[in-house]
C-alpha atoms as a PDB file:
ATOM      1  CA  UNK A   1       0.000   0.000   0.000  1.00  0.00           C
ATOM      2  CA  UNK A   2       1.022   3.627  -0.371  1.00  0.00           C
ATOM      3  CA  UNK A   3       0.873   6.436   2.171  1.00  0.00           C
ATOM      4  CA  UNK A   4       1.863  10.036   1.586  1.00  0.00           C
ATOM      5  CA  UNK A   5       3.593  12.296   4.074  1.00  0.00           C
ATOM      6  CA  UNK A   6       3.375  16.068   3.761  1.00  0.00           C
ATOM      7  CA  UNK A   7       6.701  17.243   5.154  1.00  0.00           C
ATOM      8  CA  UNK A   8       7.433  20.430   7.084  1.00  0.00           C
ATOM      9  CA  UNK A   9       8.574  22.157   3.869  1.00  0.00           C
ATOM     10  CA  UNK A  10       5.240  21.216   2.187  1.00  0.00           C
ATOM     11  CA  UNK A  11       6.895  18.653  -0.075  1.00  0.00           C
ATOM     12  CA  UNK A  12       5.134  15.325  -0.382  1.00  0.00           C
ATOM     13  CA  UNK A  13       6.789  11.938   0.015  1.00  0.00           C
ATOM     14  CA  UNK A  14       4.829   8.826  -0.963  1.00  0.00           C
ATOM     15  CA  UNK A  15       6.182   5.576   0.455  1.00  0.00           C
ATOM     16  CA  UNK A  16       5.316   1.901   0.604  1.00  0.00           C
ATOM     17  CA  UNK A  17       3.816   0.640   3.839  1.00  0.00           C
ATOM     18  CA  UNK A  18       2.547  -2.666   5.182  1.00  0.00           C
ATOM     19  CA  UNK A  19      -0.637  -3.648   6.965  1.00  0.00           C
ATOM     20  CA  UNK A  20       0.172  -3.781  10.680  1.00  0.00           C
ATOM     21  CA  UNK A  21       2.826  -1.043  10.556  1.00  0.00           C
ATOM     22  CA  UNK A  22       2.323   1.994  12.742  1.00  0.00           C
ATOM     23  CA  UNK A  23       2.817   5.407  11.194  1.00  0.00           C
ATOM     24  CA  UNK A  24       5.903   5.742  13.399  1.00  0.00           C
ATOM     25  CA  UNK A  25       7.284   2.466  11.983  1.00  0.00           C
ATOM     26  CA  UNK A  26       6.970   3.922   8.484  1.00  0.00           C
ATOM     27  CA  UNK A  27       8.546   7.221   9.530  1.00  0.00           C
ATOM     28  CA  UNK A  28      11.543   5.402  10.982  1.00  0.00           C
ATOM     29  CA  UNK A  29      11.874   3.008   8.033  1.00  0.00           C
ATOM     30  CA  UNK A  30      11.907   5.801   5.462  1.00  0.00           C
ATOM     31  CA  UNK A  31      13.951   8.365   7.401  1.00  0.00           C
ATOM     32  CA  UNK A  32      11.142  10.894   7.566  1.00  0.00           C
ATOM     33  CA  UNK A  33      12.032  13.680  10.015  1.00  0.00           C
ATOM     34  CA  UNK A  34       9.822  13.684  13.110  1.00  0.00           C
ATOM     35  CA  UNK A  35      10.749  14.428  16.703  1.00  0.00           C
ATOM     36  CA  UNK A  36       9.356  12.060  19.309  1.00  0.00           C
ATOM     37  CA  UNK A  37      10.536  11.286  22.804  1.00  0.00           C
ATOM     38  CA  UNK A  38       8.851   8.236  24.365  1.00  0.00           C
ATOM     39  CA  UNK A  39       9.952   5.801  21.633  1.00  0.00           C
ATOM     40  CA  UNK A  40       6.430   4.702  20.768  1.00  0.00           C
ATOM     41  CA  UNK A  41       4.974   4.196  24.226  1.00  0.00           C
ATOM     42  CA  UNK A  42       2.110   6.585  23.473  1.00  0.00           C
ATOM     43  CA  UNK A  43       2.596   8.707  26.559  1.00  0.00           C
ATOM     44  CA  UNK A  44       4.287  11.943  25.471  1.00  0.00           C
ATOM     45  CA  UNK A  45       2.203  13.253  22.562  1.00  0.00           C
ATOM     46  CA  UNK A  46       5.272  14.486  20.665  1.00  0.00           C
ATOM     47  CA  UNK A  47       4.798  12.246  17.610  1.00  0.00           C
ATOM     48  CA  UNK A  48       1.493  13.818  16.717  1.00  0.00           C
ATOM     49  CA  UNK A  49       0.545  14.029  13.071  1.00  0.00           C
ATOM     50  CA  UNK A  50      -2.484  15.333  11.218  1.00  0.00           C
ATOM     51  CA  UNK A  51      -4.405  12.787   9.173  1.00  0.00           C
ATOM     52  CA  UNK A  52      -6.002  14.480   6.160  1.00  0.00           C
ATOM     53  CA  UNK A  53      -8.365  11.754   5.027  1.00  0.00           C
ATOM     54  CA  UNK A  54      -8.778   9.512   8.045  1.00  0.00           C
ATOM     55  CA  UNK A  55     -12.457   8.654   7.656  1.00  0.00           C
ATOM     56  CA  UNK A  56     -12.683   4.913   7.127  1.00  0.00           C
ATOM     57  CA  UNK A  57      -8.920   4.572   6.672  1.00  0.00           C
ATOM     58  CA  UNK A  58      -7.812   4.157  10.296  1.00  0.00           C
ATOM     59  CA  UNK A  59      -9.357   3.009  13.537  1.00  0.00           C
ATOM     60  CA  UNK A  60     -10.467   5.701  16.011  1.00  0.00           C
ATOM     61  CA  UNK A  61      -8.213   6.617  18.920  1.00  0.00           C
ATOM     62  CA  UNK A  62      -8.779   4.733  22.147  1.00  0.00           C
ATOM     63  CA  UNK A  63      -7.174   4.016  25.501  1.00  0.00           C
ATOM     64  CA  UNK A  64      -3.939   5.836  26.333  1.00  0.00           C
ATOM     65  CA  UNK A  65      -3.817   7.612  22.959  1.00  0.00           C
ATOM     66  CA  UNK A  66      -7.288   9.033  23.462  1.00  0.00           C
ATOM     67  CA  UNK A  67      -6.316  10.207  26.957  1.00  0.00           C
ATOM     68  CA  UNK A  68      -3.243  12.035  25.578  1.00  0.00           C
ATOM     69  CA  UNK A  69      -5.219  13.605  22.715  1.00  0.00           C
ATOM     70  CA  UNK A  70      -7.891  14.843  25.123  1.00  0.00           C
ATOM     71  CA  UNK A  71      -5.384  16.042  27.737  1.00  0.00           C
ATOM     72  CA  UNK A  72      -3.576  18.230  25.188  1.00  0.00           C
ATOM     73  CA  UNK A  73      -6.869  19.178  23.494  1.00  0.00           C
ATOM     74  CA  UNK A  74      -5.666  18.124  20.046  1.00  0.00           C
ATOM     75  CA  UNK A  75      -8.238  18.312  17.251  1.00  0.00           C
ATOM     76  CA  UNK A  76     -10.101  15.306  15.873  1.00  0.00           C
ATOM     77  CA  UNK A  77      -7.724  15.002  12.917  1.00  0.00           C
ATOM     78  CA  UNK A  78      -4.610  14.781  15.136  1.00  0.00           C
ATOM     79  CA  UNK A  79      -3.240  11.358  16.040  1.00  0.00           C
ATOM     80  CA  UNK A  80      -0.123   9.911  17.641  1.00  0.00           C
ATOM     81  CA  UNK A  81       2.038   8.313  14.952  1.00  0.00           C
ATOM     82  CA  UNK A  82       3.107   5.563  17.333  1.00  0.00           C
ATOM     83  CA  UNK A  83      -0.473   4.484  18.010  1.00  0.00           C
ATOM     84  CA  UNK A  84      -2.018   4.397  14.518  1.00  0.00           C
ATOM     85  CA  UNK A  85      -1.758   0.940  12.960  1.00  0.00           C
ATOM     86  CA  UNK A  86      -2.411   0.612   9.251  1.00  0.00           C
ATOM     87  CA  UNK A  87      -5.124  -1.689   7.971  1.00  0.00           C
ATOM     88  CA  UNK A  88      -6.033  -2.733   4.450  1.00  0.00           C
ATOM     89  CA  UNK A  89      -8.280   0.364   4.289  1.00  0.00           C
ATOM     90  CA  UNK A  90      -5.296   2.680   4.978  1.00  0.00           C
ATOM     91  CA  UNK A  91      -4.064   2.674   1.372  1.00  0.00           C
ATOM     92  CA  UNK A  92      -3.791   6.273   0.151  1.00  0.00           C
ATOM     93  CA  UNK A  93      -3.583   7.764   3.650  1.00  0.00           C
ATOM     94  CA  UNK A  94      -2.228  11.343   3.750  1.00  0.00           C
ATOM     95  CA  UNK A  95      -0.253  12.292   6.848  1.00  0.00           C
ATOM     96  CA  UNK A  96       0.843  15.851   7.626  1.00  0.00           C
ATOM     97  CA  UNK A  97       3.877  16.325   9.866  1.00  0.00           C
ATOM     98  CA  UNK A  98       3.138  19.057  12.410  1.00  0.00           C
END
């Protein structure tokens, strides 16, 4: 499947991804620049990304991720890269680095 990252300089980078990968896995695999501090534990909120077309493409936030998103009052389109796992429906996902 393909996912597209919109980088900080507004350039787009489309990469291959696999079902079961997290967005953070893909970021690390492809050397996409993103600062994060808890190494994927889902507790710091620093790996947040904006998902442009999330409807039907990813599962809704729950558990610890939902707590972090609510605590920091992030918008509905903001997710933690370490907590979003790709499914078959995720093909074509657009992810904005913020």
